[in-house]
Amino acid sequence: MLTGKQKRFLRGRANRLRPVATLGKNGLSDQFVDSVAKALEARELVKVSLLPTAEETPAEVGAFLSRTIGGAQVAQTMGRTVLMYRKATQEAHRKLSDKVAKLGK
């Protein structure tokens, strides 16, 4: 579970990020979940945008992705955007996780 300091740090880092995945009328498909999981592995911090045609709410999408993708957590939901974080499994992709772990202590 992310602490308040960790969430604040991640929100600051995500300020200039563009959404990597976009959810539309096709809903929460396996392909969508796979694309978010791959992006989380490569970047650790990902914005997911919801189009107006999406039937799900940002809270539902965040909860579903957290359950489906092991270790993924919602850092923020704002409007129709969900900010997801997960520590990368590969050492080479860990850019944020060390800093986030230090803030949790």
C-alpha atoms as a PDB file:
ATOM      1  CA  MET A   1       0.000   0.000   0.000  1.00  0.00           C
ATOM      2  CA  LEU A   2       1.332   3.401  -0.951  1.00  0.00           C
ATOM      3  CA  THR A   3       1.702   6.053   1.732  1.00  0.00           C
ATOM      4  CA  GLY A   4       0.689   9.673   1.284  1.00  0.00           C
ATOM      5  CA  LYS A   5       4.284  10.758   0.688  1.00  0.00           C
ATOM      6  CA  GLN A   6       4.763   8.088  -1.943  1.00  0.00           C
ATOM      7  CA  LYS A   7       1.556   9.069  -3.748  1.00  0.00           C
ATOM      8  CA  ARG A   8       2.564  12.736  -3.674  1.00  0.00           C
ATOM      9  CA  PHE A   9       5.971  11.864  -5.168  1.00  0.00           C
ATOM     10  CA  LEU A  10       4.373   9.764  -7.925  1.00  0.00           C
ATOM     11  CA  ARG A  11       1.816  12.468  -8.752  1.00  0.00           C
ATOM     12  CA  GLY A  12       4.675  14.931  -9.167  1.00  0.00           C
ATOM     13  CA  ARG A  13       6.507  12.553 -11.502  1.00  0.00           C
ATOM     14  CA  ALA A  14       3.342  11.907 -13.520  1.00  0.00           C
ATOM     15  CA  ASN A  15       2.612  15.569 -14.069  1.00  0.00           C
ATOM     16  CA  ARG A  16       4.242  15.593 -17.511  1.00  0.00           C
ATOM     17  CA  LEU A  17       3.376  12.026 -18.531  1.00  0.00           C
ATOM     18  CA  ARG A  18       1.068  11.346 -21.432  1.00  0.00           C
ATOM     19  CA  PRO A  19      -1.497   8.549 -21.171  1.00  0.00           C
ATOM     20  CA  VAL A  20      -0.013   5.269 -22.387  1.00  0.00           C
ATOM     21  CA  ALA A  21      -3.236   3.289 -22.595  1.00  0.00           C
ATOM     22  CA  THR A  22      -6.708   4.464 -23.549  1.00  0.00           C
ATOM     23  CA  LEU A  23      -9.882   2.648 -22.572  1.00  0.00           C
ATOM     24  CA  GLY A  24     -12.838   3.019 -24.908  1.00  0.00           C
ATOM     25  CA  LYS A  25     -16.016   1.205 -25.815  1.00  0.00           C
ATOM     26  CA  ASN A  26     -14.247  -2.185 -26.017  1.00  0.00           C
ATOM     27  CA  GLY A  27     -13.963  -2.215 -22.236  1.00  0.00           C
ATOM     28  CA  LEU A  28     -11.495  -4.041 -20.036  1.00  0.00           C
ATOM     29  CA  SER A  29     -10.244  -6.643 -22.489  1.00  0.00           C
ATOM     30  CA  ASP A  30      -7.294  -8.975 -22.011  1.00  0.00           C
ATOM     31  CA  GLN A  31      -5.396  -7.005 -24.649  1.00  0.00           C
ATOM     32  CA  PHE A  32      -5.904  -3.758 -22.717  1.00  0.00           C
ATOM     33  CA  VAL A  33      -4.734  -5.346 -19.446  1.00  0.00           C
ATOM     34  CA  ASP A  34      -1.677  -6.826 -21.184  1.00  0.00           C
ATOM     35  CA  SER A  35      -0.722  -3.457 -22.657  1.00  0.00           C
ATOM     36  CA  VAL A  36      -0.977  -1.780 -19.251  1.00  0.00           C
ATOM     37  CA  ALA A  37       1.047  -4.585 -17.619  1.00  0.00           C
ATOM     38  CA  LYS A  38       3.812  -4.292 -20.230  1.00  0.00           C
ATOM     39  CA  ALA A  39       3.903  -0.516 -19.862  1.00  0.00           C
ATOM     40  CA  LEU A  40       4.116  -0.839 -16.064  1.00  0.00           C
ATOM     41  CA  GLU A  41       7.026  -3.251 -16.401  1.00  0.00           C
ATOM     42  CA  ALA A  42       8.913  -0.873 -18.666  1.00  0.00           C
ATOM     43  CA  ARG A  43       8.063   2.417 -16.912  1.00  0.00           C
ATOM     44  CA  GLU A  44       6.733   1.646 -13.408  1.00  0.00           C
ATOM     45  CA  LEU A  45       4.370   4.650 -13.630  1.00  0.00           C
ATOM     46  CA  VAL A  46       1.592   4.778 -16.226  1.00  0.00           C
ATOM     47  CA  LYS A  47      -1.363   7.017 -16.974  1.00  0.00           C
ATOM     48  CA  VAL A  48      -4.511   5.341 -18.267  1.00  0.00           C
ATOM     49  CA  SER A  49      -7.066   7.554 -19.978  1.00  0.00           C
ATOM     50  CA  LEU A  50     -10.771   6.757 -20.269  1.00  0.00           C
ATOM     51  CA  LEU A  51     -12.672   7.938 -23.316  1.00  0.00           C
ATOM     52  CA  PRO A  52     -16.232   9.243 -22.881  1.00  0.00           C
ATOM     53  CA  THR A  53     -17.492   6.077 -24.596  1.00  0.00           C
ATOM     54  CA  ALA A  54     -16.069   3.855 -21.834  1.00  0.00           C
ATOM     55  CA  GLU A  55     -18.773   2.346 -19.666  1.00  0.00           C
ATOM     56  CA  GLU A  56     -16.493   1.897 -16.651  1.00  0.00           C
ATOM     57  CA  THR A  57     -15.643   4.599 -14.130  1.00  0.00           C
ATOM     58  CA  PRO A  58     -12.012   5.469 -13.311  1.00  0.00           C
ATOM     59  CA  ALA A  59     -12.422   3.919  -9.859  1.00  0.00           C
ATOM     60  CA  GLU A  60     -13.656   0.649 -11.377  1.00  0.00           C
ATOM     61  CA  VAL A  61     -10.779   0.581 -13.881  1.00  0.00           C
ATOM     62  CA  GLY A  62      -8.203   1.241 -11.154  1.00  0.00           C
ATOM     63  CA  ALA A  63      -9.641  -1.461  -8.903  1.00  0.00           C
ATOM     64  CA  PHE A  64      -9.809  -3.966 -11.779  1.00  0.00           C
ATOM     65  CA  LEU A  65      -6.214  -3.301 -12.868  1.00  0.00           C
ATOM     66  CA  SER A  66      -5.004  -3.564  -9.269  1.00  0.00           C
ATOM     67  CA  ARG A  67      -6.672  -6.965  -8.891  1.00  0.00           C
ATOM     68  CA  THR A  68      -5.627  -8.257 -12.305  1.00  0.00           C
ATOM     69  CA  ILE A  69      -2.015  -7.054 -12.492  1.00  0.00           C
ATOM     70  CA  GLY A  70      -0.003  -8.371  -9.569  1.00  0.00           C
ATOM     71  CA  GLY A  71       1.584  -5.612  -7.501  1.00  0.00           C
ATOM     72  CA  ALA A  72      -0.104  -2.755  -9.372  1.00  0.00           C
ATOM     73  CA  GLN A  73      -1.505   0.057  -7.263  1.00  0.00           C
ATOM     74  CA  VAL A  74      -3.564   3.142  -7.984  1.00  0.00           C
ATOM     75  CA  ALA A  75      -1.595   6.272  -7.160  1.00  0.00           C
ATOM     76  CA  GLN A  76      -4.329   8.698  -8.220  1.00  0.00           C
ATOM     77  CA  THR A  77      -7.608   9.034 -10.072  1.00  0.00           C
ATOM     78  CA  MET A  78      -8.352  12.445 -11.498  1.00  0.00           C
ATOM     79  CA  GLY A  79     -11.242  13.068 -13.840  1.00  0.00           C
ATOM     80  CA  ARG A  80     -11.129  10.325 -16.457  1.00  0.00           C
ATOM     81  CA  THR A  81      -7.482   9.448 -15.830  1.00  0.00           C
ATOM     82  CA  VAL A  82      -6.019   6.741 -13.605  1.00  0.00           C
ATOM     83  CA  LEU A  83      -2.389   6.792 -12.477  1.00  0.00           C
ATOM     84  CA  MET A  84      -1.005   3.289 -11.903  1.00  0.00           C
ATOM     85  CA  TYR A  85       2.278   2.278 -10.219  1.00  0.00           C
ATOM     86  CA  ARG A  86       4.057  -1.055  -9.948  1.00  0.00           C
ATOM     87  CA  LYS A  87       7.652  -1.875  -9.070  1.00  0.00           C
ATOM     88  CA  ALA A  88       9.434  -3.340 -12.099  1.00  0.00           C
ATOM     89  CA  THR A  89      10.566  -6.938 -11.813  1.00  0.00           C
ATOM     90  CA  GLN A  90      13.687  -6.358 -13.915  1.00  0.00           C
ATOM     91  CA  GLU A  91      16.501  -4.435 -12.265  1.00  0.00           C
ATOM     92  CA  ALA A  92      17.228  -2.414 -15.429  1.00  0.00           C
ATOM     93  CA  HIS A  93      13.715  -0.919 -15.479  1.00  0.00           C
ATOM     94  CA  ARG A  94      13.697   0.249 -11.861  1.00  0.00           C
ATOM     95  CA  LYS A  95      13.946   4.011 -12.046  1.00  0.00           C
ATOM     96  CA  LEU A  96      11.352   5.143  -9.527  1.00  0.00           C
ATOM     97  CA  SER A  97      10.937   2.220  -7.150  1.00  0.00           C
ATOM     98  CA  ASP A  98      14.095   2.903  -5.126  1.00  0.00           C
ATOM     99  CA  LYS A  99      12.989   6.482  -4.473  1.00  0.00           C
ATOM    100  CA  VAL A 100       9.437   5.390  -3.678  1.00  0.00           C
ATOM    101  CA  ALA A 101      10.702   2.766  -1.230  1.00  0.00           C
ATOM    102  CA  LYS A 102      12.813   5.363   0.604  1.00  0.00           C
ATOM    103  CA  LEU A 103       9.779   7.598   1.069  1.00  0.00           C
ATOM    104  CA  GLY A 104       7.828   4.753   2.656  1.00  0.00           C
ATOM    105  CA  LYS A 105      10.202   4.458   5.596  1.00  0.00           C
END
